[in-house]
Each structure stands twice: as C-alpha cells, then as structure tokens.
Amino acid sequence: MMDDRQQANNVQGLIDNFKKLLALNLDYARLTAAEKLTILLSTIAFYSMVCILGTLVLIFVSIGVGHLLATTVARVAAYLYVAGFYMVLFILLFVFRKKIFIDPTARFISKLFVKPPEE
C-alpha cells in the first residue's frame, strides 16, 4: 500500500500538471485571440485603404465623365446625370445592403471566431 507521503506526492503532481495544463490553455487562448484580432484589424485596414483610394478614383472618373458629357449636353445637365447615376447606385446599395455588406461581414466574422462543426 502507498503511504501518505506517496499519495500526497501524487496529488501534488496532479495539481501541478493541472496548473500547467491550465496555463498552456490560457496561453493558447491568448495567442488565438491575438491571431484573430490581427486578421480582423488588418482586414479592416486593407478595406479602409481600398475604400479611400476607390473614392479618390471615383471622384476623378466622375469629373471626367461630367466633362465628357458636357461636350454633348449642357454642363449642368451633364453633372446632374452623373449625380443621378450615383443616386440610383446609392439606392441600390441601400436596398441590397444585407446581401452586399451584412451577410459577407457576418460570414467573415463567424469563420474567424467560430470553428466549423466536425462531422
């Protein structure tokens, strides 16, 4: 039979192993959270830059199209056509905002933070 000292050593060994396991799981959780946060923030930064540069390109293209249309119709009408196009585009984006923005964002976030079910 084991004496009390051996049982105490076994219990202490189990407690030490449990503490190590808990510390390793905590470190793993921290590293996983840091990785997910890095991916999320870099994606936000990338798409922010794309939006900023896309906006600048869109402004210059709009001015060019306005000038081009001004050669065929009145200058005010040309710029109103361009503004009307953007108004229609805005309305379409507003109507389809769930399909264009919300669903892909939710899918990205859920893939990032939730593991797919194992079969």
PDB file of N, CA and C in Angstrom:
ATOM      1  N   MET A   1       0.825  -1.198   0.000  1.00  0.00           N
ATOM      2  CA  MET A   1       0.000   0.000   0.000  1.00  0.00           C
ATOM      3  C   MET A   1       0.867   1.260   0.000  1.00  0.00           C
ATOM      4  N   MET A   2       0.270   2.296  -0.583  1.00  0.00           N
ATOM      5  CA  MET A   2       1.001   3.561  -0.610  1.00  0.00           C
ATOM      6  C   MET A   2       0.849   4.263   0.728  1.00  0.00           C
ATOM      7  N   ASP A   3       1.897   4.830   1.128  1.00  0.00           N
ATOM      8  CA  ASP A   3       1.792   5.588   2.360  1.00  0.00           C
ATOM      9  C   ASP A   3       1.297   7.001   2.056  1.00  0.00           C
ATOM     10  N   ASP A   4       1.087   7.755   3.094  1.00  0.00           N
ATOM     11  CA  ASP A   4       0.521   9.101   2.951  1.00  0.00           C
ATOM     12  C   ASP A   4       1.433  10.028   2.156  1.00  0.00           C
ATOM     13  N   ARG A   5       2.745   9.834   2.275  1.00  0.00           N
ATOM     14  CA  ARG A   5       3.688  10.693   1.579  1.00  0.00           C
ATOM     15  C   ARG A   5       3.587  10.482   0.065  1.00  0.00           C
ATOM     16  N   GLN A   6       3.458   9.242  -0.376  1.00  0.00           N
ATOM     17  CA  GLN A   6       3.334   8.954  -1.804  1.00  0.00           C
ATOM     18  C   GLN A   6       2.018   9.496  -2.353  1.00  0.00           C
ATOM     19  N   GLN A   7       0.946   9.357  -1.585  1.00  0.00           N
ATOM     20  CA  GLN A   7      -0.346   9.886  -2.017  1.00  0.00           C
ATOM     21  C   GLN A   7      -0.288  11.415  -2.118  1.00  0.00           C
ATOM     22  N   ALA A   8       0.364  12.035  -1.166  1.00  0.00           N
ATOM     23  CA  ALA A   8       0.495  13.494  -1.194  1.00  0.00           C
ATOM     24  C   ALA A   8       1.314  13.923  -2.403  1.00  0.00           C
ATOM     25  N   ASN A   9       2.383  13.172  -2.716  1.00  0.00           N
ATOM     26  CA  ASN A   9       3.190  13.486  -3.896  1.00  0.00           C
ATOM     27  C   ASN A   9       2.385  13.304  -5.175  1.00  0.00           C
ATOM     28  N   ASN A  10       1.569  12.235  -5.238  1.00  0.00           N
ATOM     29  CA  ASN A  10       0.726  12.009  -6.420  1.00  0.00           C
ATOM     30  C   ASN A  10      -0.307  13.112  -6.595  1.00  0.00           C
ATOM     31  N   VAL A  11      -0.927  13.503  -5.489  1.00  0.00           N
ATOM     32  CA  VAL A  11      -1.927  14.581  -5.542  1.00  0.00           C
ATOM     33  C   VAL A  11      -1.251  15.886  -5.930  1.00  0.00           C
ATOM     34  N   GLN A  12      -0.095  16.149  -5.337  1.00  0.00           N
ATOM     35  CA  GLN A  12       0.627  17.381  -5.673  1.00  0.00           C
ATOM     36  C   GLN A  12       1.056  17.368  -7.140  1.00  0.00           C
ATOM     37  N   GLY A  13       1.475  16.204  -7.649  1.00  0.00           N
ATOM     38  CA  GLY A  13       1.838  16.076  -9.063  1.00  0.00           C
ATOM     39  C   GLY A  13       0.649  16.337  -9.963  1.00  0.00           C
ATOM     40  N   LEU A  14      -0.524  15.816  -9.588  1.00  0.00           N
ATOM     41  CA  LEU A  14      -1.741  16.070 -10.367  1.00  0.00           C
ATOM     42  C   LEU A  14      -2.095  17.551 -10.369  1.00  0.00           C
ATOM     43  N   ILE A  15      -1.969  18.169  -9.214  1.00  0.00           N
ATOM     44  CA  ILE A  15      -2.276  19.602  -9.119  1.00  0.00           C
ATOM     45  C   ILE A  15      -1.306  20.411  -9.975  1.00  0.00           C
ATOM     46  N   ASP A  16      -0.021  20.057  -9.923  1.00  0.00           N
ATOM     47  CA  ASP A  16       0.984  20.764 -10.738  1.00  0.00           C
ATOM     48  C   ASP A  16       0.708  20.583 -12.227  1.00  0.00           C
ATOM     49  N   ASN A  17       0.388  19.352 -12.619  1.00  0.00           N
ATOM     50  CA  ASN A  17       0.063  19.101 -14.035  1.00  0.00           C
ATOM     51  C   ASN A  17      -1.188  19.865 -14.466  1.00  0.00           C
ATOM     52  N   PHE A  18      -2.191  19.940 -13.586  1.00  0.00           N
ATOM     53  CA  PHE A  18      -3.404  20.684 -13.901  1.00  0.00           C
ATOM     54  C   PHE A  18      -3.108  22.173 -14.067  1.00  0.00           C
ATOM     55  N   LYS A  19      -2.245  22.706 -13.197  1.00  0.00           N
ATOM     56  CA  LYS A  19      -1.865  24.119 -13.307  1.00  0.00           C
ATOM     57  C   LYS A  19      -1.127  24.391 -14.622  1.00  0.00           C
ATOM     58  N   LYS A  20      -0.233  23.454 -15.003  1.00  0.00           N
ATOM     59  CA  LYS A  20       0.483  23.613 -16.272  1.00  0.00           C
ATOM     60  C   LYS A  20      -0.480  23.561 -17.452  1.00  0.00           C
ATOM     61  N   LEU A  21      -1.418  22.610 -17.385  1.00  0.00           N
ATOM     62  CA  LEU A  21      -2.413  22.493 -18.457  1.00  0.00           C
ATOM     63  C   LEU A  21      -3.266  23.753 -18.553  1.00  0.00           C
ATOM     64  N   LEU A  22      -3.675  24.269 -17.416  1.00  0.00           N
ATOM     65  CA  LEU A  22      -4.474  25.497 -17.396  1.00  0.00           C
ATOM     66  C   LEU A  22      -3.679  26.674 -17.955  1.00  0.00           C
ATOM     67  N   ALA A  23      -2.412  26.778 -17.600  1.00  0.00           N
ATOM     68  CA  ALA A  23      -1.564  27.862 -18.108  1.00  0.00           C
ATOM     69  C   ALA A  23      -1.369  27.731 -19.612  1.00  0.00           C
ATOM     70  N   LEU A  24      -1.152  26.504 -20.089  1.00  0.00           N
ATOM     71  CA  LEU A  24      -0.993  26.297 -21.533  1.00  0.00           C
ATOM     72  C   LEU A  24      -2.268  26.625 -22.290  1.00  0.00           C
ATOM     73  N   ASN A  25      -3.412  26.228 -21.745  1.00  0.00           N
ATOM     74  CA  ASN A  25      -4.688  26.556 -22.401  1.00  0.00           C
ATOM     75  C   ASN A  25      -4.939  28.056 -22.412  1.00  0.00           C
ATOM     76  N   LEU A  26      -4.556  28.727 -21.341  1.00  0.00           N
ATOM     77  CA  LEU A  26      -4.702  30.180 -21.285  1.00  0.00           C
ATOM     78  C   LEU A  26      -3.791  30.854 -22.312  1.00  0.00           C
ATOM     79  N   ASP A  27      -2.554  30.381 -22.423  1.00  0.00           N
ATOM     80  CA  ASP A  27      -1.635  30.919 -23.434  1.00  0.00           C
ATOM     81  C   ASP A  27      -2.159  30.665 -24.843  1.00  0.00           C
ATOM     82  N   TYR A  28      -2.693  29.477 -25.080  1.00  0.00           N
ATOM     83  CA  TYR A  28      -3.262  29.153 -26.386  1.00  0.00           C
ATOM     84  C   TYR A  28      -4.430  30.086 -26.710  1.00  0.00           C
ATOM     85  N   ALA A  29      -5.290  30.329 -25.721  1.00  0.00           N
ATOM     86  CA  ALA A  29      -6.419  31.231 -25.932  1.00  0.00           C
ATOM     87  C   ALA A  29      -5.939  32.648 -26.246  1.00  0.00           C
ATOM     88  N   ARG A  30      -4.908  33.089 -25.552  1.00  0.00           N
ATOM     89  CA  ARG A  30      -4.367  34.425 -25.808  1.00  0.00           C
ATOM     90  C   ARG A  30      -3.781  34.520 -27.222  1.00  0.00           C
ATOM     91  N   LEU A  31      -3.011  33.513 -27.608  1.00  0.00           N
ATOM     92  CA  LEU A  31      -2.408  33.523 -28.940  1.00  0.00           C
ATOM     93  C   LEU A  31      -3.475  33.451 -30.034  1.00  0.00           C
ATOM     94  N   THR A  32      -4.485  32.636 -29.813  1.00  0.00           N
ATOM     95  CA  THR A  32      -5.570  32.533 -30.787  1.00  0.00           C
ATOM     96  C   THR A  32      -6.321  33.861 -30.894  1.00  0.00           C
ATOM     97  N   ALA A  33      -6.597  34.490 -29.754  1.00  0.00           N
ATOM     98  CA  ALA A  33      -7.276  35.780 -29.771  1.00  0.00           C
ATOM     99  C   ALA A  33      -6.424  36.833 -30.475  1.00  0.00           C
ATOM    100  N   ALA A  34      -5.109  36.814 -30.212  1.00  0.00           N
ATOM    101  CA  ALA A  34      -4.219  37.774 -30.865  1.00  0.00           C
ATOM    102  C   ALA A  34      -4.199  37.540 -32.376  1.00  0.00           C
ATOM    103  N   GLU A  35      -4.170  36.279 -32.792  1.00  0.00           N
ATOM    104  CA  GLU A  35      -4.175  35.966 -34.225  1.00  0.00           C
ATOM    105  C   GLU A  35      -5.467  36.437 -34.890  1.00  0.00           C
ATOM    106  N   LYS A  36      -6.597  36.145 -34.259  1.00  0.00           N
ATOM    107  CA  LYS A  36      -7.893  36.537 -34.831  1.00  0.00           C
ATOM    108  C   LYS A  36      -8.014  38.059 -34.880  1.00  0.00           C
ATOM    109  N   LEU A  37      -7.570  38.722 -33.832  1.00  0.00           N
ATOM    110  CA  LEU A  37      -7.636  40.184 -33.791  1.00  0.00           C
ATOM    111  C   LEU A  37      -6.728  40.797 -34.848  1.00  0.00           C
ATOM    112  N   THR A  38      -5.567  40.203 -35.063  1.00  0.00           N
ATOM    113  CA  THR A  38      -4.659  40.684 -36.102  1.00  0.00           C
ATOM    114  C   THR A  38      -5.288  40.554 -37.479  1.00  0.00           C
ATOM    115  N   ILE A  39      -5.889  39.411 -37.744  1.00  0.00           N
ATOM    116  CA  ILE A  39      -6.559  39.205 -39.037  1.00  0.00           C
ATOM    117  C   ILE A  39      -7.686  40.200 -39.210  1.00  0.00           C
ATOM    118  N   LEU A  40      -8.490  40.380 -38.170  1.00  0.00           N
ATOM    119  CA  LEU A  40      -9.630  41.304 -38.245  1.00  0.00           C
ATOM    120  C   LEU A  40      -9.165  42.737 -38.473  1.00  0.00           C
ATOM    121  N   LEU A  41      -8.178  43.199 -37.721  1.00  0.00           N
ATOM    122  CA  LEU A  41      -7.717  44.581 -37.860  1.00  0.00           C
ATOM    123  C   LEU A  41      -6.995  44.817 -39.181  1.00  0.00           C
ATOM    124  N   SER A  42      -6.238  43.830 -39.650  1.00  0.00           N
ATOM    125  CA  SER A  42      -5.564  44.010 -40.940  1.00  0.00           C
ATOM    126  C   SER A  42      -6.578  44.018 -42.079  1.00  0.00           C
ATOM    127  N   THR A  43      -7.644  43.234 -41.958  1.00  0.00           N
ATOM    128  CA  THR A  43      -8.701  43.253 -42.967  1.00  0.00           C
ATOM    129  C   THR A  43      -9.419  44.601 -42.965  1.00  0.00           C
ATOM    130  N   ILE A  44      -9.695  45.127 -41.788  1.00  0.00           N
ATOM    131  CA  ILE A  44     -10.331  46.446 -41.692  1.00  0.00           C
ATOM    132  C   ILE A  44      -9.425  47.516 -42.291  1.00  0.00           C
ATOM    133  N   ALA A  45      -8.140  47.463 -41.983  1.00  0.00           N
ATOM    134  CA  ALA A  45      -7.195  48.447 -42.525  1.00  0.00           C
ATOM    135  C   ALA A  45      -7.109  48.343 -44.045  1.00  0.00           C
ATOM    136  N   PHE A  46      -7.039  47.117 -44.558  1.00  0.00           N
ATOM    137  CA  PHE A  46      -6.947  46.924 -46.001  1.00  0.00           C
ATOM    138  C   PHE A  46      -8.182  47.482 -46.710  1.00  0.00           C
ATOM    139  N   TYR A  47      -9.370  47.113 -46.240  1.00  0.00           N
ATOM    140  CA  TYR A  47     -10.583  47.584 -46.905  1.00  0.00           C
ATOM    141  C   TYR A  47     -10.801  49.082 -46.713  1.00  0.00           C
ATOM    142  N   SER A  48     -10.301  49.640 -45.624  1.00  0.00           N
ATOM    143  CA  SER A  48     -10.369  51.098 -45.456  1.00  0.00           C
ATOM    144  C   SER A  48      -9.523  51.797 -46.511  1.00  0.00           C
ATOM    145  N   MET A  49      -8.318  51.276 -46.722  1.00  0.00           N
ATOM    146  CA  MET A  49      -7.452  51.858 -47.752  1.00  0.00           C
ATOM    147  C   MET A  49      -8.059  51.686 -49.145  1.00  0.00           C
ATOM    148  N   VAL A  50      -8.646  50.534 -49.407  1.00  0.00           N
ATOM    149  CA  VAL A  50      -9.300  50.303 -50.700  1.00  0.00           C
ATOM    150  C   VAL A  50     -10.447  51.299 -50.884  1.00  0.00           C
ATOM    151  N   CYS A  51     -11.225  51.527 -49.835  1.00  0.00           N
ATOM    152  CA  CYS A  51     -12.336  52.482 -49.931  1.00  0.00           C
ATOM    153  C   CYS A  51     -11.831  53.911 -50.162  1.00  0.00           C
ATOM    154  N   ILE A  52     -10.781  54.290 -49.467  1.00  0.00           N
ATOM    155  CA  ILE A  52     -10.239  55.640 -49.638  1.00  0.00           C
ATOM    156  C   ILE A  52      -9.713  55.832 -51.057  1.00  0.00           C
ATOM    157  N   LEU A  53      -8.900  54.889 -51.526  1.00  0.00           N
ATOM    158  CA  LEU A  53      -8.363  55.003 -52.883  1.00  0.00           C
ATOM    159  C   LEU A  53      -9.466  54.881 -53.937  1.00  0.00           C
ATOM    160  N   GLY A  54     -10.423  53.998 -53.686  1.00  0.00           N
ATOM    161  CA  GLY A  54     -11.553  53.862 -54.608  1.00  0.00           C
ATOM    162  C   GLY A  54     -12.375  55.137 -54.684  1.00  0.00           C
ATOM    163  N   THR A  55     -12.538  55.815 -53.561  1.00  0.00           N
ATOM    164  CA  THR A  55     -13.268  57.077 -53.547  1.00  0.00           C
ATOM    165  C   THR A  55     -12.542  58.145 -54.357  1.00  0.00           C
ATOM    166  N   LEU A  56     -11.229  58.195 -54.201  1.00  0.00           N
ATOM    167  CA  LEU A  56     -10.450  59.170 -54.981  1.00  0.00           C
ATOM    168  C   LEU A  56     -10.563  58.888 -56.482  1.00  0.00           C
ATOM    169  N   VAL A  57     -10.440  57.621 -56.849  1.00  0.00           N
ATOM    170  CA  VAL A  57     -10.574  57.254 -58.265  1.00  0.00           C
ATOM    171  C   VAL A  57     -11.970  57.604 -58.767  1.00  0.00           C
ATOM    172  N   LEU A  58     -12.972  57.305 -57.960  1.00  0.00           N
ATOM    173  CA  LEU A  58     -14.354  57.589 -58.353  1.00  0.00           C
ATOM    174  C   LEU A  58     -14.599  59.081 -58.546  1.00  0.00           C
ATOM    175  N   ILE A  59     -13.987  59.902 -57.713  1.00  0.00           N
ATOM    176  CA  ILE A  59     -14.142  61.346 -57.853  1.00  0.00           C
ATOM    177  C   ILE A  59     -13.565  61.816 -59.195  1.00  0.00           C
ATOM    178  N   PHE A  60     -12.362  61.353 -59.505  1.00  0.00           N
ATOM    179  CA  PHE A  60     -11.743  61.795 -60.749  1.00  0.00           C
ATOM    180  C   PHE A  60     -12.460  61.241 -61.978  1.00  0.00           C
ATOM    181  N   VAL A  61     -12.922  60.009 -61.901  1.00  0.00           N
ATOM    182  CA  VAL A  61     -13.685  59.438 -63.016  1.00  0.00           C
ATOM    183  C   VAL A  61     -14.989  60.203 -63.193  1.00  0.00           C
ATOM    184  N   SER A  62     -15.636  60.562 -62.089  1.00  0.00           N
ATOM    185  CA  SER A  62     -16.894  61.318 -62.171  1.00  0.00           C
ATOM    186  C   SER A  62     -16.675  62.681 -62.824  1.00  0.00           C
ATOM    187  N   ILE A  63     -15.602  63.352 -62.461  1.00  0.00           N
ATOM    188  CA  ILE A  63     -15.297  64.649 -63.072  1.00  0.00           C
ATOM    189  C   ILE A  63     -15.052  64.476 -64.567  1.00  0.00           C
ATOM    190  N   GLY A  64     -14.293  63.409 -64.910  1.00  0.00           N
ATOM    191  CA  GLY A  64     -14.023  63.147 -66.324  1.00  0.00           C
ATOM    192  C   GLY A  64     -15.283  62.841 -67.109  1.00  0.00           C
ATOM    193  N   VAL A  65     -16.164  62.029 -66.536  1.00  0.00           N
ATOM    194  CA  VAL A  65     -17.426  61.702 -67.219  1.00  0.00           C
ATOM    195  C   VAL A  65     -18.294  62.947 -67.332  1.00  0.00           C
ATOM    196  N   GLY A  66     -18.289  63.769 -66.298  1.00  0.00           N
ATOM    197  CA  GLY A  66     -19.051  65.015 -66.365  1.00  0.00           C
ATOM    198  C   GLY A  66     -18.556  65.926 -67.476  1.00  0.00           C
ATOM    199  N   HIS A  67     -17.253  66.053 -67.593  1.00  0.00           N
ATOM    200  CA  HIS A  67     -16.687  66.871 -68.678  1.00  0.00           C
ATOM    201  C   HIS A  67     -16.979  66.264 -70.039  1.00  0.00           C
ATOM    202  N   LEU A  68     -16.895  64.957 -70.136  1.00  0.00           N
ATOM    203  CA  LEU A  68     -17.179  64.282 -71.399  1.00  0.00           C
ATOM    204  C   LEU A  68     -18.641  64.469 -71.806  1.00  0.00           C
ATOM    205  N   LEU A  69     -19.549  64.325 -70.854  1.00  0.00           N
ATOM    206  CA  LEU A  69     -20.969  64.537 -71.162  1.00  0.00           C
ATOM    207  C   LEU A  69     -21.257  66.005 -71.486  1.00  0.00           C
ATOM    208  N   ALA A  70     -20.478  66.893 -70.905  1.00  0.00           N
ATOM    209  CA  ALA A  70     -20.696  68.325 -71.141  1.00  0.00           C
ATOM    210  C   ALA A  70     -20.433  68.701 -72.596  1.00  0.00           C
ATOM    211  N   THR A  71     -19.723  67.869 -73.332  1.00  0.00           N
ATOM    212  CA  THR A  71     -19.499  68.164 -74.752  1.00  0.00           C
ATOM    213  C   THR A  71     -20.729  67.858 -75.591  1.00  0.00           C
ATOM    214  N   THR A  72     -21.652  67.040 -75.054  1.00  0.00           N
ATOM    215  CA  THR A  72     -22.851  66.674 -75.828  1.00  0.00           C
ATOM    216  C   THR A  72     -24.116  67.320 -75.285  1.00  0.00           C
ATOM    217  N   VAL A  73     -24.182  67.573 -74.006  1.00  0.00           N
ATOM    218  CA  VAL A  73     -25.365  68.219 -73.407  1.00  0.00           C
ATOM    219  C   VAL A  73     -24.887  69.416 -72.589  1.00  0.00           C
ATOM    220  N   ALA A  74     -25.829  70.138 -72.025  1.00  0.00           N
ATOM    221  CA  ALA A  74     -25.473  71.303 -71.204  1.00  0.00           C
ATOM    222  C   ALA A  74     -24.644  70.847 -69.999  1.00  0.00           C
ATOM    223  N   ARG A  75     -23.729  71.706 -69.583  1.00  0.00           N
ATOM    224  CA  ARG A  75     -22.812  71.358 -68.494  1.00  0.00           C
ATOM    225  C   ARG A  75     -23.563  70.983 -67.223  1.00  0.00           C
ATOM    226  N   VAL A  76     -24.586  71.741 -66.861  1.00  0.00           N
ATOM    227  CA  VAL A  76     -25.359  71.450 -65.648  1.00  0.00           C
ATOM    228  C   VAL A  76     -26.054  70.106 -65.780  1.00  0.00           C
ATOM    229  N   ALA A  77     -26.629  69.841 -66.936  1.00  0.00           N
ATOM    230  CA  ALA A  77     -27.315  68.564 -67.160  1.00  0.00           C
ATOM    231  C   ALA A  77     -26.331  67.394 -67.074  1.00  0.00           C
ATOM    232  N   ALA A  78     -25.128  67.581 -67.571  1.00  0.00           N
ATOM    233  CA  ALA A  78     -24.127  66.513 -67.525  1.00  0.00           C
ATOM    234  C   ALA A  78     -23.809  66.145 -66.083  1.00  0.00           C
ATOM    235  N   TYR A  79     -23.614  67.139 -65.247  1.00  0.00           N
ATOM    236  CA  TYR A  79     -23.308  66.850 -63.851  1.00  0.00           C
ATOM    237  C   TYR A  79     -24.530  66.309 -63.106  1.00  0.00           C
ATOM    238  N   LEU A  80     -25.712  66.716 -63.510  1.00  0.00           N
ATOM    239  CA  LEU A  80     -26.925  66.142 -62.919  1.00  0.00           C
ATOM    240  C   LEU A  80     -27.085  64.679 -63.317  1.00  0.00           C
ATOM    241  N   TYR A  81     -26.710  64.316 -64.535  1.00  0.00           N
ATOM    242  CA  TYR A  81     -26.742  62.907 -64.951  1.00  0.00           C
ATOM    243  C   TYR A  81     -25.799  62.068 -64.083  1.00  0.00           C
ATOM    244  N   VAL A  82     -24.603  62.588 -63.870  1.00  0.00           N
ATOM    245  CA  VAL A  82     -23.641  61.869 -63.030  1.00  0.00           C
ATOM    246  C   VAL A  82     -24.181  61.740 -61.609  1.00  0.00           C
ATOM    247  N   ALA A  83     -24.744  62.802 -61.066  1.00  0.00           N
ATOM    248  CA  ALA A  83     -25.322  62.767 -59.719  1.00  0.00           C
ATOM    249  C   ALA A  83     -26.501  61.799 -59.664  1.00  0.00           C
ATOM    250  N   GLY A  84     -27.331  61.781 -60.714  1.00  0.00           N
ATOM    251  CA  GLY A  84     -28.453  60.846 -60.774  1.00  0.00           C
ATOM    252  C   GLY A  84     -27.975  59.400 -60.781  1.00  0.00           C
ATOM    253  N   PHE A  85     -26.889  59.139 -61.511  1.00  0.00           N
ATOM    254  CA  PHE A  85     -26.327  57.786 -61.529  1.00  0.00           C
ATOM    255  C   PHE A  85     -25.902  57.368 -60.128  1.00  0.00           C
ATOM    256  N   TYR A  86     -25.240  58.279 -59.411  1.00  0.00           N
ATOM    257  CA  TYR A  86     -24.814  57.947 -58.053  1.00  0.00           C
ATOM    258  C   TYR A  86     -25.995  57.817 -57.099  1.00  0.00           C
ATOM    259  N   MET A  87     -27.053  58.555 -57.340  1.00  0.00           N
ATOM    260  CA  MET A  87     -28.254  58.428 -56.507  1.00  0.00           C
ATOM    261  C   MET A  87     -28.882  57.045 -56.709  1.00  0.00           C
ATOM    262  N   VAL A  88     -28.967  56.596 -57.960  1.00  0.00           N
ATOM    263  CA  VAL A  88     -29.502  55.255 -58.239  1.00  0.00           C
ATOM    264  C   VAL A  88     -28.598  54.195 -57.604  1.00  0.00           C
ATOM    265  N   LEU A  89     -27.293  54.376 -57.727  1.00  0.00           N
ATOM    266  CA  LEU A  89     -26.345  53.440 -57.123  1.00  0.00           C
ATOM    267  C   LEU A  89     -26.502  53.407 -55.602  1.00  0.00           C
ATOM    268  N   PHE A  90     -26.680  54.560 -54.986  1.00  0.00           N
ATOM    269  CA  PHE A  90     -26.884  54.640 -53.541  1.00  0.00           C
ATOM    270  C   PHE A  90     -28.154  53.912 -53.131  1.00  0.00           C
ATOM    271  N   ILE A  91     -29.227  54.115 -53.870  1.00  0.00           N
ATOM    272  CA  ILE A  91     -30.498  53.449 -53.557  1.00  0.00           C
ATOM    273  C   ILE A  91     -30.351  51.929 -53.680  1.00  0.00           C
ATOM    274  N   LEU A  92     -29.674  51.469 -54.732  1.00  0.00           N
ATOM    275  CA  LEU A  92     -29.456  50.029 -54.895  1.00  0.00           C
ATOM    276  C   LEU A  92     -28.610  49.453 -53.756  1.00  0.00           C
ATOM    277  N   LEU A  93     -27.576  50.174 -53.362  1.00  0.00           N
ATOM    278  CA  LEU A  93     -26.760  49.724 -52.235  1.00  0.00           C
ATOM    279  C   LEU A  93     -27.568  49.682 -50.945  1.00  0.00           C
ATOM    280  N   PHE A  94     -28.442  50.655 -50.764  1.00  0.00           N
ATOM    281  CA  PHE A  94     -29.272  50.686 -49.564  1.00  0.00           C
ATOM    282  C   PHE A  94     -30.258  49.523 -49.556  1.00  0.00           C
ATOM    283  N   VAL A  95     -30.868  49.255 -50.705  1.00  0.00           N
ATOM    284  CA  VAL A  95     -31.858  48.173 -50.784  1.00  0.00           C
ATOM    285  C   VAL A  95     -31.191  46.809 -50.572  1.00  0.00           C
ATOM    286  N   PHE A  96     -30.024  46.610 -51.158  1.00  0.00           N
ATOM    287  CA  PHE A  96     -29.341  45.321 -51.078  1.00  0.00           C
ATOM    288  C   PHE A  96     -28.213  45.302 -50.050  1.00  0.00           C
ATOM    289  N   ARG A  97     -28.288  46.164 -49.032  1.00  0.00           N
ATOM    290  CA  ARG A  97     -27.211  46.278 -48.050  1.00  0.00           C
ATOM    291  C   ARG A  97     -26.986  44.986 -47.277  1.00  0.00           C
ATOM    292  N   LYS A  98     -28.054  44.240 -46.998  1.00  0.00           N
ATOM    293  CA  LYS A  98     -27.877  42.996 -46.247  1.00  0.00           C
ATOM    294  C   LYS A  98     -27.097  41.981 -47.071  1.00  0.00           C
ATOM    295  N   LYS A  99     -27.460  41.838 -48.335  1.00  0.00           N
ATOM    296  CA  LYS A  99     -26.802  40.852 -49.191  1.00  0.00           C
ATOM    297  C   LYS A  99     -25.379  41.276 -49.537  1.00  0.00           C
ATOM    298  N   ILE A 100     -25.138  42.578 -49.678  1.00  0.00           N
ATOM    299  CA  ILE A 100     -23.822  43.060 -50.110  1.00  0.00           C
ATOM    300  C   ILE A 100     -22.856  43.258 -48.945  1.00  0.00           C
ATOM    301  N   PHE A 101     -23.344  43.767 -47.812  1.00  0.00           N
ATOM    302  CA  PHE A 101     -22.446  44.122 -46.716  1.00  0.00           C
ATOM    303  C   PHE A 101     -22.611  43.242 -45.475  1.00  0.00           C
ATOM    304  N   ILE A 102     -23.822  43.115 -44.986  1.00  0.00           N
ATOM    305  CA  ILE A 102     -24.047  42.474 -43.687  1.00  0.00           C
ATOM    306  C   ILE A 102     -23.744  40.978 -43.733  1.00  0.00           C
ATOM    307  N   ASP A 103     -24.296  40.266 -44.718  1.00  0.00           N
ATOM    308  CA  ASP A 103     -24.070  38.818 -44.787  1.00  0.00           C
ATOM    309  C   ASP A 103     -22.594  38.451 -44.975  1.00  0.00           C
ATOM    310  N   PRO A 104     -21.873  39.078 -45.913  1.00  0.00           N
ATOM    311  CA  PRO A 104     -20.446  38.724 -46.018  1.00  0.00           C
ATOM    312  C   PRO A 104     -19.636  39.069 -44.771  1.00  0.00           C
ATOM    313  N   THR A 105     -19.965  40.173 -44.125  1.00  0.00           N
ATOM    314  CA  THR A 105     -19.257  40.541 -42.901  1.00  0.00           C
ATOM    315  C   THR A 105     -19.531  39.533 -41.793  1.00  0.00           C
ATOM    316  N   ALA A 106     -20.797  39.156 -41.639  1.00  0.00           N
ATOM    317  CA  ALA A 106     -21.148  38.166 -40.617  1.00  0.00           C
ATOM    318  C   ALA A 106     -20.491  36.824 -40.919  1.00  0.00           C
ATOM    319  N   ARG A 107     -20.435  36.450 -42.183  1.00  0.00           N
ATOM    320  CA  ARG A 107     -19.794  35.192 -42.569  1.00  0.00           C
ATOM    321  C   ARG A 107     -18.300  35.236 -42.252  1.00  0.00           C
ATOM    322  N   PHE A 108     -17.660  36.354 -42.545  1.00  0.00           N
ATOM    323  CA  PHE A 108     -16.225  36.501 -42.270  1.00  0.00           C
ATOM    324  C   PHE A 108     -15.950  36.426 -40.775  1.00  0.00           C
ATOM    325  N   ILE A 109     -16.722  37.154 -39.978  1.00  0.00           N
ATOM    326  CA  ILE A 109     -16.519  37.169 -38.532  1.00  0.00           C
ATOM    327  C   ILE A 109     -16.784  35.786 -37.943  1.00  0.00           C
ATOM    328  N   SER A 110     -17.850  35.118 -38.407  1.00  0.00           N
ATOM    329  CA  SER A 110     -18.153  33.799 -37.855  1.00  0.00           C
ATOM    330  C   SER A 110     -17.091  32.776 -38.246  1.00  0.00           C
ATOM    331  N   LYS A 111     -16.546  32.860 -39.476  1.00  0.00           N
ATOM    332  CA  LYS A 111     -15.466  31.950 -39.864  1.00  0.00           C
ATOM    333  C   LYS A 111     -14.212  32.224 -39.049  1.00  0.00           C
ATOM    334  N   LEU A 112     -14.022  33.475 -38.684  1.00  0.00           N
ATOM    335  CA  LEU A 112     -12.825  33.856 -37.956  1.00  0.00           C
ATOM    336  C   LEU A 112     -12.868  33.372 -36.505  1.00  0.00           C
ATOM    337  N   PHE A 113     -14.033  33.482 -35.863  1.00  0.00           N
ATOM    338  CA  PHE A 113     -14.112  33.216 -34.432  1.00  0.00           C
ATOM    339  C   PHE A 113     -14.773  31.900 -34.051  1.00  0.00           C
ATOM    340  N   VAL A 114     -15.517  31.271 -34.967  1.00  0.00           N
ATOM    341  CA  VAL A 114     -16.239  30.044 -34.625  1.00  0.00           C
ATOM    342  C   VAL A 114     -15.707  28.906 -35.477  1.00  0.00           C
ATOM    343  N   LYS A 115     -15.389  27.795 -34.827  1.00  0.00           N
ATOM    344  CA  LYS A 115     -14.908  26.627 -35.566  1.00  0.00           C
ATOM    345  C   LYS A 115     -16.082  25.962 -36.270  1.00  0.00           C
ATOM    346  N   PRO A 116     -15.850  25.470 -37.492  1.00  0.00           N
ATOM    347  CA  PRO A 116     -16.922  24.744 -38.172  1.00  0.00           C
ATOM    348  C   PRO A 116     -17.194  23.419 -37.455  1.00  0.00           C
ATOM    349  N   PRO A 117     -18.437  22.946 -37.495  1.00  0.00           N
ATOM    350  CA  PRO A 117     -18.746  21.687 -36.795  1.00  0.00           C
ATOM    351  C   PRO A 117     -18.037  20.519 -37.469  1.00  0.00           C
ATOM    352  N   GLU A 118     -17.552  19.615 -36.650  1.00  0.00           N
ATOM    353  CA  GLU A 118     -16.872  18.436 -37.167  1.00  0.00           C
ATOM    354  C   GLU A 118     -17.897  17.324 -37.368  1.00  0.00           C
ATOM    355  N   GLU A 119     -17.758  16.646 -38.480  1.00  0.00           N
ATOM    356  CA  GLU A 119     -18.721  15.588 -38.784  1.00  0.00           C
ATOM    357  C   GLU A 119     -18.205  14.243 -38.363  1.00  0.00           C
TER     358      GLU A 119
END
